[in-house]
Amino acid sequence: MNIKENKLGLISHVSISGAIIKPHLELLKESLENHLKAGDLRILIDIKEAPLIDSAGLELLWDSLMNFRKAGGSLKLVNANTLIMDIFLATKMTNIFEIFTDQEKAYRSFL
């Protein structure tokens, strides 16, 4: 898994390439914890280049979402492929996460 990070105003954009699965989660966990510690409370995770997510990946995103919410922030997802959307639908995570198909709409949702 590779992670690219950049900022657009108050929004931190985290792009993931590679599967969001247990053997590769430490890098993502560290990145999200660092944003939280730094007070970067608006996180947009672009998963366009993530082909798959497993239960450990879902758990990490869930835990991170809860941590950001507790701190008064938010974590949103953009560009999920069909397989990942099916996984989010099957686990009813679409009721919990804001998932966007359009990056511009995702950015505007933070305003």
Protein backbone atom coordinates (compact mmCIF):
# COMPACT_ATOMS: atom_id res chain seq x y z
CA MET A 1 0.00 0.00 0.00
CA ASN A 2 1.18 3.47 -0.85
CA ILE A 3 -0.20 6.67 0.62
CA LYS A 4 0.04 10.16 -0.83
CA GLU A 5 -1.02 13.11 1.25
CA ASN A 6 -1.70 16.72 0.42
CA LYS A 7 -3.79 19.58 1.73
CA LEU A 8 -6.37 21.78 0.12
CA GLY A 9 -7.12 24.52 2.62
CA LEU A 10 -8.35 22.83 5.78
CA ILE A 11 -8.96 19.50 4.07
CA SER A 12 -6.32 16.78 4.19
CA HIS A 13 -6.46 14.54 1.14
CA VAL A 14 -5.13 11.02 1.63
CA SER A 15 -4.83 8.88 -1.53
CA ILE A 16 -4.39 5.15 -1.13
CA SER A 17 -3.06 2.83 -3.78
CA GLY A 18 -3.06 -0.86 -3.01
CA ALA A 19 -5.33 -3.15 -1.08
CA ILE A 20 -6.63 -1.96 2.29
CA ILE A 21 -5.94 -5.25 4.03
CA LYS A 22 -4.50 -6.35 7.34
CA PRO A 23 -0.85 -6.84 6.31
CA HIS A 24 -0.69 -3.26 4.97
CA LEU A 25 -2.70 -1.24 7.47
CA GLU A 26 0.05 0.10 9.74
CA LEU A 27 1.00 2.85 7.29
CA LEU A 28 -2.59 4.05 6.94
CA LYS A 29 -3.17 3.89 10.69
CA GLU A 30 -0.04 5.92 11.34
CA SER A 31 -1.02 8.51 8.73
CA LEU A 32 -4.51 9.00 10.16
CA GLU A 33 -3.22 9.16 13.74
CA ASN A 34 -0.69 11.82 12.71
CA HIS A 35 -3.42 13.92 11.11
CA LEU A 36 -5.52 13.63 14.26
CA LYS A 37 -2.61 14.60 16.52
CA ALA A 38 -1.79 17.57 14.27
CA GLY A 39 -5.37 18.80 14.47
CA ASP A 40 -6.12 18.06 10.82
CA LEU A 41 -9.75 17.15 11.42
CA ARG A 42 -11.14 17.14 7.88
CA ILE A 43 -9.90 14.04 6.09
CA LEU A 44 -10.87 12.90 2.61
CA ILE A 45 -9.61 9.42 1.75
CA ASP A 46 -9.39 8.72 -1.97
CA ILE A 47 -9.63 4.97 -2.56
CA LYS A 48 -9.73 5.06 -6.36
CA GLU A 49 -6.59 2.93 -6.59
CA ALA A 50 -7.54 0.55 -3.78
CA PRO A 51 -8.80 -2.68 -5.37
CA LEU A 52 -9.99 -4.33 -2.15
CA ILE A 53 -10.75 -3.82 1.53
CA ASP A 54 -10.95 -6.56 4.15
CA SER A 55 -12.56 -6.64 7.61
CA ALA A 56 -9.40 -5.29 9.26
CA GLY A 57 -9.42 -2.37 6.81
CA LEU A 58 -13.07 -1.68 7.57
CA GLU A 59 -12.32 -1.78 11.28
CA LEU A 60 -9.44 0.67 10.91
CA LEU A 61 -11.60 3.10 8.92
CA TRP A 62 -14.45 2.74 11.44
CA ASP A 63 -12.14 3.35 14.42
CA SER A 64 -10.57 6.32 12.65
CA LEU A 65 -13.96 7.79 11.79
CA MET A 66 -15.03 7.53 15.43
CA ASN A 67 -11.78 9.16 16.62
CA PHE A 68 -12.17 12.05 14.19
CA ARG A 69 -15.81 12.54 15.19
CA LYS A 70 -14.88 12.57 18.89
CA ALA A 71 -12.36 15.31 18.12
CA GLY A 72 -15.01 17.31 16.26
CA GLY A 73 -13.82 16.38 12.80
CA SER A 74 -14.87 14.16 9.96
CA LEU A 75 -13.50 11.48 7.69
CA LYS A 76 -15.04 10.87 4.26
CA LEU A 77 -14.33 8.53 1.37
CA VAL A 78 -14.26 9.17 -2.36
CA ASN A 79 -13.89 7.08 -5.54
CA ALA A 80 -14.71 3.60 -4.22
CA ASN A 81 -14.75 0.93 -6.91
CA THR A 82 -17.69 -1.45 -7.38
CA LEU A 83 -16.23 -4.22 -5.20
CA ILE A 84 -15.48 -1.89 -2.30
CA MET A 85 -18.94 -0.31 -2.59
CA ASP A 86 -20.49 -3.80 -2.50
CA ILE A 87 -18.50 -4.56 0.66
CA PHE A 88 -19.64 -1.31 2.27
CA LEU A 89 -23.25 -2.04 1.28
CA ALA A 90 -23.12 -5.64 2.56
CA THR A 91 -21.72 -4.51 5.91
CA LYS A 92 -24.12 -1.54 6.08
CA MET A 93 -21.14 0.80 6.39
CA THR A 94 -22.79 3.05 3.79
CA ASN A 95 -25.08 4.12 6.64
CA ILE A 96 -22.07 5.30 8.63
CA PHE A 97 -19.58 6.66 6.11
CA GLU A 98 -20.08 9.47 3.65
CA ILE A 99 -18.88 8.02 0.35
CA PHE A 100 -18.66 10.22 -2.73
CA THR A 101 -18.18 9.41 -6.40
CA ASP A 102 -17.18 12.97 -7.28
CA GLN A 103 -14.11 14.54 -5.69
CA GLU A 104 -15.39 18.11 -6.07
CA LYS A 105 -18.64 17.24 -4.25
CA ALA A 106 -16.63 15.51 -1.57
CA TYR A 107 -14.55 18.65 -1.00
CA ARG A 108 -17.64 20.87 -0.92
CA SER A 109 -19.28 18.58 1.66
CA PHE A 110 -16.77 19.81 4.25
CA LEU A 111 -17.97 23.42 3.94
